[in-house]
Amino acid sequence: MNNSVTCRAAWCLAAGLIFCLALCVSTGCNTFGVVANDIAGTPEVAAKWQPASQPTLVLVENYNLTPDGDVECDRVGHYVMQDLSENNVVPLVDYAKVTALRDDDPASYAKMSVAAIGRQVGATQIIYVNIREMSSDTVLGTNTVKWTAAANVTVVDAKTGRSLWPTDLAGGHPIAAETQYDEIDPHHDELLARDELDRNLAGQIGDLFHNWMRETDSMHDD
């Protein structure tokens, strides 16, 4: 008798589970997906490419406009280095060496190749970022502005000058970043908006070279 009761209870439990599954399928229920996501945690996004642990220079330029240096490019470079350092990606070359090299002879520096600059400052490889565009879009008749930027990222071998990554894109890996439309005071808030753009761009560049955790409100690209 006890065995019969036990079997009946087990059958009822199984039938109940089957009914719940059928109900979820028919109504679009995502309860099981939510549970699975809670168990798995936030999805981790893999690095696009993991550089060798060698002395690495981060060099950010808007070469078409300012081959002899630019404050905003230097700021983006600083944020990229900060990201790579926090994630222990590679040993980094002190950017002050580049500044000294550039300031010593700007004309000669402007003619140097990326690989030559890397060799001069003791780098084995260079994460080179060419900012192709940095512009603003203003809503007509207002102070509402959105800033956008586009760049290409390449890792260059300092000895040979060849591209270590990507090997299938001659111009480098494309990156794009933007801010939200916001009403700003051009004499004050613009600097904050530009800094937000620089941090966004730098974060995406850093994420190319290490794993990162996707968040629901993340602005990162895959």
N, C-alpha and C. Protein backbone atom coordinates (compact mmCIF):
# COMPACT_ATOMS: atom_id res chain seq x y z
N MET A 1 0.83 -1.20 0.00
CA MET A 1 0.00 0.00 0.00
C MET A 1 0.87 1.25 0.00
N ASN A 2 1.89 1.27 0.84
CA ASN A 2 2.80 2.41 0.91
C ASN A 2 3.51 2.62 -0.41
N ASN A 3 3.92 1.50 -1.05
CA ASN A 3 4.59 1.62 -2.34
C ASN A 3 3.66 2.22 -3.38
N SER A 4 2.39 1.85 -3.31
CA SER A 4 1.41 2.37 -4.26
C SER A 4 1.23 3.87 -4.08
N VAL A 5 1.18 4.31 -2.80
CA VAL A 5 1.02 5.74 -2.51
C VAL A 5 2.24 6.52 -2.99
N THR A 6 3.44 5.95 -2.74
CA THR A 6 4.69 6.60 -3.16
C THR A 6 4.75 6.76 -4.66
N CYS A 7 4.40 5.70 -5.38
CA CYS A 7 4.42 5.73 -6.84
C CYS A 7 3.43 6.76 -7.38
N ARG A 8 2.24 6.80 -6.73
CA ARG A 8 1.23 7.75 -7.19
C ARG A 8 1.70 9.19 -6.96
N ALA A 9 2.36 9.44 -5.83
CA ALA A 9 2.86 10.79 -5.53
C ALA A 9 3.93 11.19 -6.53
N ALA A 10 4.81 10.25 -6.87
CA ALA A 10 5.87 10.53 -7.84
C ALA A 10 5.26 10.83 -9.20
N TRP A 11 4.23 10.06 -9.56
CA TRP A 11 3.59 10.27 -10.86
C TRP A 11 2.93 11.64 -10.92
N CYS A 12 2.27 12.02 -9.82
CA CYS A 12 1.61 13.32 -9.76
C CYS A 12 2.63 14.46 -9.88
N LEU A 13 3.79 14.30 -9.22
CA LEU A 13 4.83 15.33 -9.29
C LEU A 13 5.35 15.47 -10.71
N ALA A 14 5.59 14.34 -11.37
CA ALA A 14 6.08 14.36 -12.75
C ALA A 14 5.05 15.00 -13.67
N ALA A 15 3.79 14.64 -13.47
CA ALA A 15 2.74 15.20 -14.31
C ALA A 15 2.63 16.71 -14.11
N GLY A 16 2.82 17.13 -12.85
CA GLY A 16 2.76 18.56 -12.57
C GLY A 16 3.87 19.32 -13.26
N LEU A 17 5.08 18.75 -13.25
CA LEU A 17 6.21 19.40 -13.91
C LEU A 17 5.99 19.49 -15.41
N ILE A 18 5.45 18.39 -15.99
CA ILE A 18 5.17 18.39 -17.43
C ILE A 18 4.15 19.46 -17.77
N PHE A 19 3.13 19.61 -16.92
CA PHE A 19 2.10 20.62 -17.15
C PHE A 19 2.69 22.02 -17.10
N CYS A 20 3.56 22.26 -16.12
CA CYS A 20 4.18 23.58 -15.98
C CYS A 20 5.03 23.93 -17.20
N LEU A 21 5.79 22.92 -17.67
CA LEU A 21 6.62 23.14 -18.85
C LEU A 21 5.76 23.45 -20.06
N ALA A 22 4.67 22.70 -20.21
CA ALA A 22 3.77 22.94 -21.34
C ALA A 22 3.15 24.32 -21.26
N LEU A 23 2.79 24.76 -20.06
CA LEU A 23 2.20 26.07 -19.87
C LEU A 23 3.19 27.17 -20.22
N CYS A 24 4.45 26.99 -19.81
CA CYS A 24 5.47 27.99 -20.10
C CYS A 24 5.69 28.12 -21.60
N VAL A 25 5.72 26.98 -22.29
CA VAL A 25 5.92 26.99 -23.74
C VAL A 25 4.78 27.71 -24.43
N SER A 26 3.54 27.40 -24.00
CA SER A 26 2.37 27.97 -24.67
C SER A 26 2.18 29.45 -24.37
N THR A 27 2.67 29.94 -23.23
CA THR A 27 2.45 31.34 -22.85
C THR A 27 3.69 32.20 -23.00
N GLY A 28 4.79 31.61 -23.44
CA GLY A 28 6.01 32.39 -23.58
C GLY A 28 6.70 32.66 -22.27
N CYS A 29 6.42 31.86 -21.28
CA CYS A 29 7.02 32.04 -19.95
C CYS A 29 8.53 31.92 -20.03
N ASN A 30 9.28 32.83 -19.34
CA ASN A 30 10.74 32.76 -19.36
C ASN A 30 11.32 32.48 -17.98
N THR A 31 10.49 31.88 -17.12
CA THR A 31 10.94 31.62 -15.75
C THR A 31 12.19 30.77 -15.72
N PHE A 32 12.19 29.68 -16.54
CA PHE A 32 13.35 28.79 -16.52
C PHE A 32 14.59 29.50 -17.06
N GLY A 33 14.39 30.40 -18.03
CA GLY A 33 15.53 31.16 -18.55
C GLY A 33 16.09 32.09 -17.50
N VAL A 34 15.21 32.73 -16.72
CA VAL A 34 15.65 33.61 -15.66
C VAL A 34 16.46 32.85 -14.63
N VAL A 35 15.94 31.66 -14.24
CA VAL A 35 16.66 30.84 -13.26
C VAL A 35 18.03 30.45 -13.81
N ALA A 36 18.07 30.07 -15.09
CA ALA A 36 19.35 29.66 -15.69
C ALA A 36 20.32 30.82 -15.69
N ASN A 37 19.83 32.04 -15.99
CA ASN A 37 20.71 33.19 -16.00
C ASN A 37 21.22 33.51 -14.61
N ASP A 38 20.35 33.36 -13.60
CA ASP A 38 20.77 33.61 -12.22
C ASP A 38 21.85 32.63 -11.81
N ILE A 39 21.71 31.38 -12.25
CA ILE A 39 22.71 30.37 -11.89
C ILE A 39 24.03 30.63 -12.63
N ALA A 40 23.92 30.96 -13.92
CA ALA A 40 25.12 31.17 -14.72
C ALA A 40 25.83 32.46 -14.38
N GLY A 41 25.09 33.49 -13.90
CA GLY A 41 25.69 34.77 -13.62
C GLY A 41 25.73 35.64 -14.86
N THR A 42 26.34 36.83 -14.74
CA THR A 42 26.46 37.74 -15.87
C THR A 42 27.39 37.15 -16.91
N PRO A 43 26.98 37.12 -18.19
CA PRO A 43 27.82 36.51 -19.23
C PRO A 43 29.16 37.22 -19.36
N GLU A 44 30.21 36.45 -19.50
CA GLU A 44 31.55 37.01 -19.70
C GLU A 44 31.84 37.06 -21.19
N VAL A 45 32.32 38.21 -21.64
CA VAL A 45 32.67 38.39 -23.05
C VAL A 45 34.18 38.19 -23.20
N ALA A 46 34.56 37.32 -24.12
CA ALA A 46 35.98 37.01 -24.31
C ALA A 46 36.70 38.14 -25.03
N ALA A 47 38.00 38.26 -24.75
CA ALA A 47 38.84 39.24 -25.44
C ALA A 47 38.87 38.93 -26.93
N LYS A 48 38.94 39.98 -27.73
CA LYS A 48 39.11 39.78 -29.16
C LYS A 48 40.47 39.19 -29.47
N TRP A 49 41.48 39.64 -28.71
CA TRP A 49 42.85 39.15 -28.92
C TRP A 49 43.64 39.40 -27.65
N GLN A 50 44.42 38.42 -27.23
CA GLN A 50 45.21 38.56 -26.00
C GLN A 50 46.68 38.76 -26.36
N PRO A 51 47.22 39.96 -26.16
CA PRO A 51 48.61 40.24 -26.51
C PRO A 51 49.58 39.52 -25.61
N ALA A 52 50.79 39.30 -26.13
CA ALA A 52 51.85 38.68 -25.33
C ALA A 52 52.25 39.62 -24.19
N SER A 53 52.68 39.03 -23.09
CA SER A 53 53.07 39.83 -21.92
C SER A 53 54.47 40.40 -22.15
N GLN A 54 54.54 41.44 -22.95
CA GLN A 54 55.79 42.11 -23.30
C GLN A 54 55.61 43.62 -23.15
N PRO A 55 56.73 44.37 -23.01
CA PRO A 55 56.62 45.83 -22.87
C PRO A 55 55.78 46.43 -24.00
N THR A 56 54.70 47.11 -23.63
CA THR A 56 53.71 47.57 -24.60
C THR A 56 53.49 49.07 -24.48
N LEU A 57 53.54 49.73 -25.63
CA LEU A 57 53.25 51.15 -25.69
C LEU A 57 51.82 51.34 -26.19
N VAL A 58 51.07 52.21 -25.52
CA VAL A 58 49.76 52.61 -26.01
C VAL A 58 49.94 53.97 -26.66
N LEU A 59 49.66 54.04 -27.96
CA LEU A 59 49.85 55.27 -28.72
C LEU A 59 48.54 55.63 -29.40
N VAL A 60 47.98 56.77 -29.01
CA VAL A 60 46.71 57.24 -29.57
C VAL A 60 46.96 58.53 -30.33
N GLU A 61 46.54 58.57 -31.58
CA GLU A 61 46.74 59.74 -32.42
C GLU A 61 45.50 60.03 -33.27
N ASN A 62 45.36 61.29 -33.62
CA ASN A 62 44.48 61.67 -34.71
C ASN A 62 45.44 62.16 -35.78
N TYR A 63 46.06 61.22 -36.48
CA TYR A 63 47.23 61.53 -37.27
C TYR A 63 46.94 62.51 -38.41
N ASN A 64 45.74 62.43 -38.97
CA ASN A 64 45.42 63.32 -40.08
C ASN A 64 45.40 64.79 -39.67
N LEU A 65 45.15 65.02 -38.38
CA LEU A 65 45.05 66.40 -37.90
C LEU A 65 46.23 66.82 -37.04
N THR A 66 46.67 65.93 -36.17
CA THR A 66 47.68 66.33 -35.19
C THR A 66 48.74 65.25 -35.02
N PRO A 67 49.62 65.06 -36.00
CA PRO A 67 50.67 64.05 -35.84
C PRO A 67 51.68 64.39 -34.76
N ASP A 68 51.67 65.65 -34.30
CA ASP A 68 52.65 66.06 -33.29
C ASP A 68 52.05 66.11 -31.89
N GLY A 69 50.87 65.48 -31.71
CA GLY A 69 50.32 65.39 -30.36
C GLY A 69 49.00 66.12 -30.20
N ASP A 70 48.16 65.60 -29.30
CA ASP A 70 46.84 66.18 -29.07
C ASP A 70 46.42 65.84 -27.65
N VAL A 71 45.92 66.83 -26.93
CA VAL A 71 45.56 66.64 -25.52
C VAL A 71 44.50 65.56 -25.35
N GLU A 72 43.48 65.59 -26.21
CA GLU A 72 42.40 64.60 -26.08
C GLU A 72 42.88 63.20 -26.40
N CYS A 73 43.73 63.06 -27.42
CA CYS A 73 44.29 61.75 -27.73
C CYS A 73 45.10 61.22 -26.56
N ASP A 74 45.88 62.11 -25.95
CA ASP A 74 46.66 61.70 -24.78
C ASP A 74 45.75 61.25 -23.64
N ARG A 75 44.60 61.91 -23.49
CA ARG A 75 43.66 61.55 -22.43
C ARG A 75 43.06 60.17 -22.69
N VAL A 76 42.67 59.92 -23.95
CA VAL A 76 42.16 58.59 -24.30
C VAL A 76 43.22 57.53 -24.02
N GLY A 77 44.46 57.82 -24.41
CA GLY A 77 45.56 56.89 -24.15
C GLY A 77 45.74 56.61 -22.68
N HIS A 78 45.61 57.64 -21.86
CA HIS A 78 45.73 57.47 -20.40
C HIS A 78 44.65 56.52 -19.88
N TYR A 79 43.42 56.69 -20.35
CA TYR A 79 42.33 55.83 -19.89
C TYR A 79 42.51 54.39 -20.38
N VAL A 80 43.04 54.23 -21.59
CA VAL A 80 43.31 52.87 -22.09
C VAL A 80 44.37 52.20 -21.22
N MET A 81 45.43 52.91 -20.91
CA MET A 81 46.49 52.36 -20.07
C MET A 81 45.97 52.01 -18.68
N GLN A 82 45.10 52.84 -18.16
CA GLN A 82 44.50 52.58 -16.86
C GLN A 82 43.70 51.28 -16.88
N ASP A 83 42.94 51.09 -17.94
CA ASP A 83 42.13 49.87 -18.09
C ASP A 83 43.02 48.63 -18.20
N LEU A 84 44.05 48.70 -19.03
CA LEU A 84 44.95 47.56 -19.22
C LEU A 84 45.71 47.23 -17.94
N SER A 85 46.10 48.27 -17.20
CA SER A 85 46.81 48.06 -15.95
C SER A 85 45.92 47.41 -14.90
N GLU A 86 44.67 47.89 -14.79
CA GLU A 86 43.74 47.34 -13.80
C GLU A 86 43.43 45.87 -14.08
N ASN A 87 43.50 45.48 -15.36
CA ASN A 87 43.19 44.10 -15.73
C ASN A 87 44.44 43.26 -15.97
N ASN A 88 45.61 43.80 -15.62
CA ASN A 88 46.88 43.06 -15.71
C ASN A 88 47.08 42.41 -17.08
N VAL A 89 46.86 43.20 -18.13
CA VAL A 89 46.95 42.65 -19.48
C VAL A 89 48.39 42.53 -19.95
N VAL A 90 49.14 43.63 -19.88
CA VAL A 90 50.53 43.65 -20.35
C VAL A 90 51.33 44.64 -19.51
N PRO A 91 52.66 44.49 -19.44
CA PRO A 91 53.49 45.55 -18.84
C PRO A 91 53.52 46.75 -19.78
N LEU A 92 53.29 47.93 -19.23
CA LEU A 92 53.13 49.13 -20.05
C LEU A 92 54.38 50.02 -20.01
N VAL A 93 54.69 50.62 -21.16
CA VAL A 93 55.78 51.57 -21.26
C VAL A 93 55.27 52.94 -20.80
N ASP A 94 56.06 53.64 -20.02
CA ASP A 94 55.70 54.96 -19.51
C ASP A 94 55.50 55.92 -20.69
N TYR A 95 54.31 56.50 -20.78
CA TYR A 95 54.02 57.38 -21.92
C TYR A 95 54.83 58.67 -21.87
N ALA A 96 55.37 59.00 -20.71
CA ALA A 96 56.20 60.19 -20.60
C ALA A 96 57.40 60.12 -21.54
N LYS A 97 57.83 58.90 -21.86
CA LYS A 97 58.95 58.74 -22.80
C LYS A 97 58.56 59.20 -24.20
N VAL A 98 57.31 58.95 -24.58
CA VAL A 98 56.82 59.41 -25.88
C VAL A 98 56.73 60.94 -25.89
N THR A 99 56.20 61.51 -24.81
CA THR A 99 56.07 62.96 -24.72
C THR A 99 57.44 63.63 -24.85
N ALA A 100 58.44 63.07 -24.17
CA ALA A 100 59.80 63.63 -24.25
C ALA A 100 60.36 63.51 -25.66
N LEU A 101 60.14 62.36 -26.30
CA LEU A 101 60.63 62.14 -27.66
C LEU A 101 59.96 63.12 -28.62
N ARG A 102 58.68 63.32 -28.47
CA ARG A 102 57.92 64.22 -29.34
C ARG A 102 58.31 65.67 -29.14
N ASP A 103 58.48 66.07 -27.86
CA ASP A 103 58.80 67.46 -27.57
C ASP A 103 60.24 67.82 -27.95
N ASP A 104 61.11 66.84 -27.93
CA ASP A 104 62.53 67.09 -28.25
C ASP A 104 62.71 67.52 -29.69
N ASP A 105 61.96 66.90 -30.62
CA ASP A 105 62.08 67.23 -32.04
C ASP A 105 60.77 66.90 -32.74
N PRO A 106 59.78 67.79 -32.65
CA PRO A 106 58.45 67.51 -33.21
C PRO A 106 58.47 67.17 -34.70
N ALA A 107 59.31 67.83 -35.46
CA ALA A 107 59.36 67.59 -36.91
C ALA A 107 59.82 66.17 -37.20
N SER A 108 60.87 65.73 -36.52
CA SER A 108 61.38 64.38 -36.73
C SER A 108 60.39 63.34 -36.22
N TYR A 109 59.77 63.64 -35.08
CA TYR A 109 58.79 62.71 -34.51
C TYR A 109 57.64 62.47 -35.48
N ALA A 110 57.17 63.53 -36.14
CA ALA A 110 56.03 63.42 -37.06
C ALA A 110 56.33 62.50 -38.23
N LYS A 111 57.62 62.31 -38.55
CA LYS A 111 58.02 61.47 -39.68
C LYS A 111 58.30 60.02 -39.27
N MET A 112 58.34 59.77 -37.97
CA MET A 112 58.67 58.42 -37.49
C MET A 112 57.50 57.47 -37.67
N SER A 113 57.79 56.21 -37.97
CA SER A 113 56.76 55.18 -38.03
C SER A 113 56.34 54.79 -36.62
N VAL A 114 55.19 54.14 -36.52
CA VAL A 114 54.72 53.66 -35.22
C VAL A 114 55.73 52.71 -34.61
N ALA A 115 56.27 51.82 -35.43
CA ALA A 115 57.25 50.84 -34.93
C ALA A 115 58.51 51.55 -34.43
N ALA A 116 58.96 52.57 -35.15
CA ALA A 116 60.17 53.30 -34.74
C ALA A 116 59.96 54.01 -33.41
N ILE A 117 58.79 54.59 -33.22
CA ILE A 117 58.48 55.24 -31.94
C ILE A 117 58.53 54.21 -30.82
N GLY A 118 57.94 53.05 -31.08
CA GLY A 118 57.96 51.99 -30.08
C GLY A 118 59.36 51.57 -29.70
N ARG A 119 60.20 51.38 -30.70
CA ARG A 119 61.59 50.97 -30.42
C ARG A 119 62.32 52.03 -29.61
N GLN A 120 62.10 53.31 -29.94
CA GLN A 120 62.79 54.40 -29.26
C GLN A 120 62.46 54.46 -27.77
N VAL A 121 61.27 54.03 -27.40
CA VAL A 121 60.87 54.12 -25.99
C VAL A 121 60.94 52.76 -25.28
N GLY A 122 61.48 51.74 -25.96
CA GLY A 122 61.69 50.45 -25.31
C GLY A 122 60.51 49.50 -25.34
N ALA A 123 59.60 49.70 -26.30
CA ALA A 123 58.44 48.81 -26.41
C ALA A 123 58.72 47.67 -27.38
N THR A 124 58.15 46.51 -27.09
CA THR A 124 58.22 45.37 -27.99
C THR A 124 57.04 45.38 -28.96
N GLN A 125 55.91 45.91 -28.47
CA GLN A 125 54.71 45.99 -29.30
C GLN A 125 53.97 47.28 -28.97
N ILE A 126 53.17 47.73 -29.92
CA ILE A 126 52.45 48.98 -29.76
C ILE A 126 50.97 48.75 -30.02
N ILE A 127 50.12 49.15 -29.06
CA ILE A 127 48.69 49.22 -29.30
C ILE A 127 48.44 50.60 -29.88
N TYR A 128 48.21 50.64 -31.19
CA TYR A 128 48.09 51.91 -31.90
C TYR A 128 46.63 52.21 -32.20
N VAL A 129 46.20 53.38 -31.78
CA VAL A 129 44.82 53.81 -31.98
C VAL A 129 44.82 55.07 -32.84
N ASN A 130 44.21 54.98 -34.00
CA ASN A 130 44.07 56.15 -34.86
C ASN A 130 42.64 56.64 -34.79
N ILE A 131 42.44 57.80 -34.16
CA ILE A 131 41.09 58.37 -34.05
C ILE A 131 40.76 59.03 -35.39
N ARG A 132 39.82 58.44 -36.10
CA ARG A 132 39.48 58.92 -37.44
C ARG A 132 38.47 60.07 -37.39
N GLU A 133 37.66 60.09 -36.35
CA GLU A 133 36.62 61.11 -36.29
C GLU A 133 36.26 61.39 -34.84
N MET A 134 36.06 62.67 -34.53
CA MET A 134 35.52 63.07 -33.24
C MET A 134 34.71 64.33 -33.49
N SER A 135 33.40 64.21 -33.37
CA SER A 135 32.55 65.32 -33.78
C SER A 135 31.33 65.41 -32.88
N SER A 136 30.58 66.51 -33.05
CA SER A 136 29.37 66.72 -32.26
C SER A 136 28.18 66.93 -33.17
N ASP A 137 27.01 66.60 -32.65
CA ASP A 137 25.76 66.77 -33.38
C ASP A 137 24.83 67.57 -32.48
N THR A 138 24.48 68.76 -32.91
CA THR A 138 23.67 69.66 -32.09
C THR A 138 22.25 69.74 -32.64
N VAL A 139 21.27 69.67 -31.74
CA VAL A 139 19.88 69.84 -32.14
C VAL A 139 19.66 71.32 -32.46
N LEU A 140 19.15 71.60 -33.63
CA LEU A 140 19.01 72.97 -34.13
C LEU A 140 18.23 73.84 -33.15
N GLY A 141 18.83 74.99 -32.82
CA GLY A 141 18.17 75.96 -31.96
C GLY A 141 18.27 75.68 -30.48
N THR A 142 19.07 74.68 -30.10
CA THR A 142 19.22 74.34 -28.68
C THR A 142 20.70 74.13 -28.35
N ASN A 143 20.98 73.89 -27.07
CA ASN A 143 22.31 73.50 -26.63
C ASN A 143 22.41 72.00 -26.41
N THR A 144 21.47 71.24 -27.00
CA THR A 144 21.46 69.79 -26.85
C THR A 144 22.45 69.17 -27.83
N VAL A 145 23.43 68.47 -27.29
CA VAL A 145 24.55 67.98 -28.10
C VAL A 145 24.83 66.51 -27.81
N LYS A 146 25.22 65.78 -28.85
CA LYS A 146 25.73 64.43 -28.70
C LYS A 146 27.11 64.38 -29.35
N TRP A 147 28.09 63.78 -28.64
CA TRP A 147 29.44 63.64 -29.18
C TRP A 147 29.65 62.21 -29.67
N THR A 148 30.33 62.07 -30.79
CA THR A 148 30.63 60.76 -31.36
C THR A 148 32.10 60.66 -31.73
N ALA A 149 32.61 59.45 -31.73
CA ALA A 149 34.01 59.21 -32.10
C ALA A 149 34.12 57.89 -32.82
N ALA A 150 35.08 57.80 -33.73
CA ALA A 150 35.37 56.56 -34.44
C ALA A 150 36.88 56.40 -34.51
N ALA A 151 37.35 55.17 -34.32
CA ALA A 151 38.79 54.92 -34.31
C ALA A 151 39.10 53.53 -34.85
N ASN A 152 40.34 53.33 -35.21
CA ASN A 152 40.82 52.01 -35.61
C ASN A 152 41.95 51.60 -34.68
N VAL A 153 41.97 50.32 -34.29
CA VAL A 153 42.95 49.81 -33.34
C VAL A 153 43.78 48.72 -33.99
N THR A 154 45.10 48.85 -33.87
CA THR A 154 46.03 47.87 -34.42
C THR A 154 47.13 47.59 -33.39
N VAL A 155 47.58 46.36 -33.32
CA VAL A 155 48.75 46.03 -32.50
C VAL A 155 49.92 45.81 -33.45
N VAL A 156 50.99 46.59 -33.25
CA VAL A 156 52.12 46.60 -34.18
C VAL A 156 53.36 46.01 -33.51
N ASP A 157 54.08 45.17 -34.24
CA ASP A 157 55.36 44.63 -33.78
C ASP A 157 56.42 45.72 -33.93
N ALA A 158 57.05 46.09 -32.82
CA ALA A 158 58.02 47.18 -32.86
C ALA A 158 59.28 46.85 -33.66
N LYS A 159 59.61 45.58 -33.75
CA LYS A 159 60.82 45.19 -34.47
C LYS A 159 60.60 45.15 -35.97
N THR A 160 59.51 44.56 -36.41
CA THR A 160 59.28 44.36 -37.84
C THR A 160 58.33 45.39 -38.45
N GLY A 161 57.50 46.03 -37.62
CA GLY A 161 56.53 46.98 -38.13
C GLY A 161 55.26 46.33 -38.66
N ARG A 162 55.19 45.02 -38.62
CA ARG A 162 54.00 44.35 -39.14
C ARG A 162 52.88 44.34 -38.10
N SER A 163 51.67 44.15 -38.61
CA SER A 163 50.51 44.10 -37.73
C SER A 163 50.39 42.73 -37.08
N LEU A 164 50.41 42.71 -35.75
CA LEU A 164 50.21 41.46 -35.02
C LEU A 164 48.72 41.13 -34.92
N TRP A 165 47.91 42.19 -34.83
CA TRP A 165 46.46 42.04 -34.76
C TRP A 165 45.80 43.35 -35.13
N PRO A 166 44.71 43.33 -35.88
CA PRO A 166 44.17 42.15 -36.59
C PRO A 166 44.98 41.89 -37.86
N THR A 167 45.00 40.66 -38.28
CA THR A 167 45.75 40.31 -39.49
C THR A 167 44.88 40.30 -40.74
N ASP A 168 43.57 40.43 -40.56
CA ASP A 168 42.66 40.37 -41.70
C ASP A 168 41.99 41.71 -42.00
N LEU A 169 42.38 42.76 -41.28
CA LEU A 169 41.83 44.09 -41.50
C LEU A 169 42.98 45.07 -41.65
N ALA A 170 43.22 45.53 -42.85
CA ALA A 170 44.39 46.38 -43.12
C ALA A 170 44.34 47.68 -42.33
N GLY A 171 43.16 48.23 -42.13
CA GLY A 171 43.05 49.50 -41.43
C GLY A 171 42.96 49.39 -39.92
N GLY A 172 42.90 48.17 -39.39
CA GLY A 172 42.75 47.99 -37.96
C GLY A 172 41.31 47.68 -37.57
N HIS A 173 41.13 47.30 -36.31
CA HIS A 173 39.80 46.95 -35.81
C HIS A 173 39.01 48.23 -35.53
N PRO A 174 37.81 48.39 -36.11
CA PRO A 174 37.04 49.63 -35.91
C PRO A 174 36.34 49.67 -34.56
N ILE A 175 36.32 50.85 -33.97
CA ILE A 175 35.65 51.11 -32.70
C ILE A 175 34.84 52.40 -32.86
N ALA A 176 33.65 52.42 -32.28
CA ALA A 176 32.84 53.64 -32.29
C ALA A 176 32.28 53.89 -30.90
N ALA A 177 32.17 55.15 -30.53
CA ALA A 177 31.63 55.51 -29.21
C ALA A 177 30.80 56.78 -29.35
N GLU A 178 29.89 56.97 -28.41
CA GLU A 178 29.07 58.18 -28.43
C GLU A 178 28.55 58.48 -27.04
N THR A 179 28.11 59.72 -26.85
CA THR A 179 27.43 60.11 -25.62
C THR A 179 25.93 60.20 -25.92
N GLN A 180 25.15 60.36 -24.87
CA GLN A 180 23.73 60.60 -25.04
C GLN A 180 23.52 62.07 -25.41
N TYR A 181 22.40 62.37 -26.07
CA TYR A 181 22.04 63.77 -26.28
C TYR A 181 21.79 64.40 -24.91
N ASP A 182 22.40 65.56 -24.70
CA ASP A 182 22.24 66.23 -23.42
C ASP A 182 22.34 67.74 -23.63
N GLU A 183 21.57 68.49 -22.87
CA GLU A 183 21.65 69.94 -22.95
C GLU A 183 22.80 70.42 -22.08
N ILE A 184 23.75 71.10 -22.70
CA ILE A 184 24.97 71.46 -21.98
C ILE A 184 25.26 72.95 -22.11
N ASP A 185 26.03 73.43 -21.18
CA ASP A 185 26.60 74.77 -21.24
C ASP A 185 27.92 74.65 -22.00
N PRO A 186 28.01 75.21 -23.20
CA PRO A 186 29.22 75.03 -24.01
C PRO A 186 30.50 75.48 -23.33
N HIS A 187 30.37 76.38 -22.33
CA HIS A 187 31.56 76.91 -21.67
C HIS A 187 32.00 76.08 -20.47
N HIS A 188 31.23 75.05 -20.14
CA HIS A 188 31.59 74.25 -18.95
C HIS A 188 31.33 72.76 -19.17
N ASP A 189 30.08 72.42 -19.43
CA ASP A 189 29.69 71.01 -19.49
C ASP A 189 30.28 70.27 -20.69
N GLU A 190 30.71 71.00 -21.72
CA GLU A 190 31.27 70.34 -22.89
C GLU A 190 32.49 69.50 -22.53
N LEU A 191 33.30 70.00 -21.60
CA LEU A 191 34.48 69.25 -21.18
C LEU A 191 34.09 67.93 -20.53
N LEU A 192 33.01 67.96 -19.73
CA LEU A 192 32.54 66.73 -19.09
C LEU A 192 32.01 65.75 -20.13
N ALA A 193 31.29 66.28 -21.14
CA ALA A 193 30.76 65.41 -22.18
C ALA A 193 31.88 64.78 -22.99
N ARG A 194 32.90 65.57 -23.28
CA ARG A 194 34.04 65.03 -24.04
C ARG A 194 34.78 63.98 -23.21
N ASP A 195 34.89 64.21 -21.92
CA ASP A 195 35.56 63.24 -21.06
C ASP A 195 34.77 61.94 -21.01
N GLU A 196 33.45 62.03 -20.98
CA GLU A 196 32.61 60.83 -21.01
C GLU A 196 32.85 60.05 -22.31
N LEU A 197 32.94 60.77 -23.42
CA LEU A 197 33.21 60.14 -24.70
C LEU A 197 34.57 59.45 -24.69
N ASP A 198 35.58 60.12 -24.16
CA ASP A 198 36.93 59.56 -24.11
C ASP A 198 36.98 58.28 -23.28
N ARG A 199 36.28 58.29 -22.15
CA ARG A 199 36.26 57.11 -21.28
C ARG A 199 35.53 55.94 -21.96
N ASN A 200 34.44 56.27 -22.65
CA ASN A 200 33.68 55.24 -23.37
C ASN A 200 34.56 54.60 -24.44
N LEU A 201 35.23 55.43 -25.23
CA LEU A 201 36.09 54.94 -26.30
C LEU A 201 37.23 54.10 -25.73
N ALA A 202 37.88 54.61 -24.68
CA ALA A 202 38.99 53.89 -24.07
C ALA A 202 38.56 52.56 -23.47
N GLY A 203 37.38 52.54 -22.86
CA GLY A 203 36.88 51.30 -22.28
C GLY A 203 36.69 50.23 -23.32
N GLN A 204 36.16 50.61 -24.48
CA GLN A 204 35.96 49.64 -25.55
C GLN A 204 37.30 49.14 -26.10
N ILE A 205 38.29 50.03 -26.17
CA ILE A 205 39.61 49.62 -26.64
C ILE A 205 40.24 48.64 -25.67
N GLY A 206 40.18 48.95 -24.38
CA GLY A 206 40.74 48.05 -23.38
C GLY A 206 40.08 46.69 -23.40
N ASP A 207 38.76 46.66 -23.60
CA ASP A 207 38.02 45.40 -23.59
C ASP A 207 38.37 44.49 -24.76
N LEU A 208 39.02 45.04 -25.78
CA LEU A 208 39.46 44.19 -26.89
C LEU A 208 40.50 43.17 -26.42
N PHE A 209 41.22 43.50 -25.33
CA PHE A 209 42.40 42.72 -24.96
C PHE A 209 42.27 41.97 -23.64
N HIS A 210 41.08 41.96 -23.06
CA HIS A 210 40.85 41.15 -21.85
C HIS A 210 39.37 40.80 -21.77
N ASN A 211 39.06 39.74 -21.05
CA ASN A 211 37.66 39.37 -20.84
C ASN A 211 36.96 40.42 -19.99
N TRP A 212 35.68 40.61 -20.24
CA TRP A 212 34.93 41.58 -19.44
C TRP A 212 33.51 41.07 -19.24
N MET A 213 32.88 41.57 -18.20
CA MET A 213 31.55 41.11 -17.84
C MET A 213 30.51 42.04 -18.45
N ARG A 214 29.60 41.44 -19.21
CA ARG A 214 28.53 42.23 -19.82
C ARG A 214 27.51 42.63 -18.77
N GLU A 215 27.08 43.88 -18.80
CA GLU A 215 26.04 44.37 -17.92
C GLU A 215 24.83 44.75 -18.76
N THR A 216 23.67 44.76 -18.13
CA THR A 216 22.44 45.02 -18.88
C THR A 216 22.42 46.41 -19.49
N ASP A 217 23.13 47.35 -18.85
CA ASP A 217 23.13 48.71 -19.38
C ASP A 217 24.46 49.05 -20.04
N SER A 218 25.25 48.02 -20.39
CA SER A 218 26.57 48.28 -20.98
C SER A 218 26.45 48.89 -22.35
N MET A 219 27.37 49.78 -22.69
CA MET A 219 27.41 50.41 -24.00
C MET A 219 28.50 49.80 -24.86
N HIS A 220 29.13 48.71 -24.36
CA HIS A 220 30.20 48.08 -25.10
C HIS A 220 29.69 47.36 -26.33
N ASP A 221 30.53 47.30 -27.35
CA ASP A 221 30.23 46.48 -28.52
C ASP A 221 30.74 45.07 -28.28
N ASP A 222 30.21 44.12 -29.01
CA ASP A 222 30.73 42.75 -28.94
C ASP A 222 32.05 42.67 -29.68
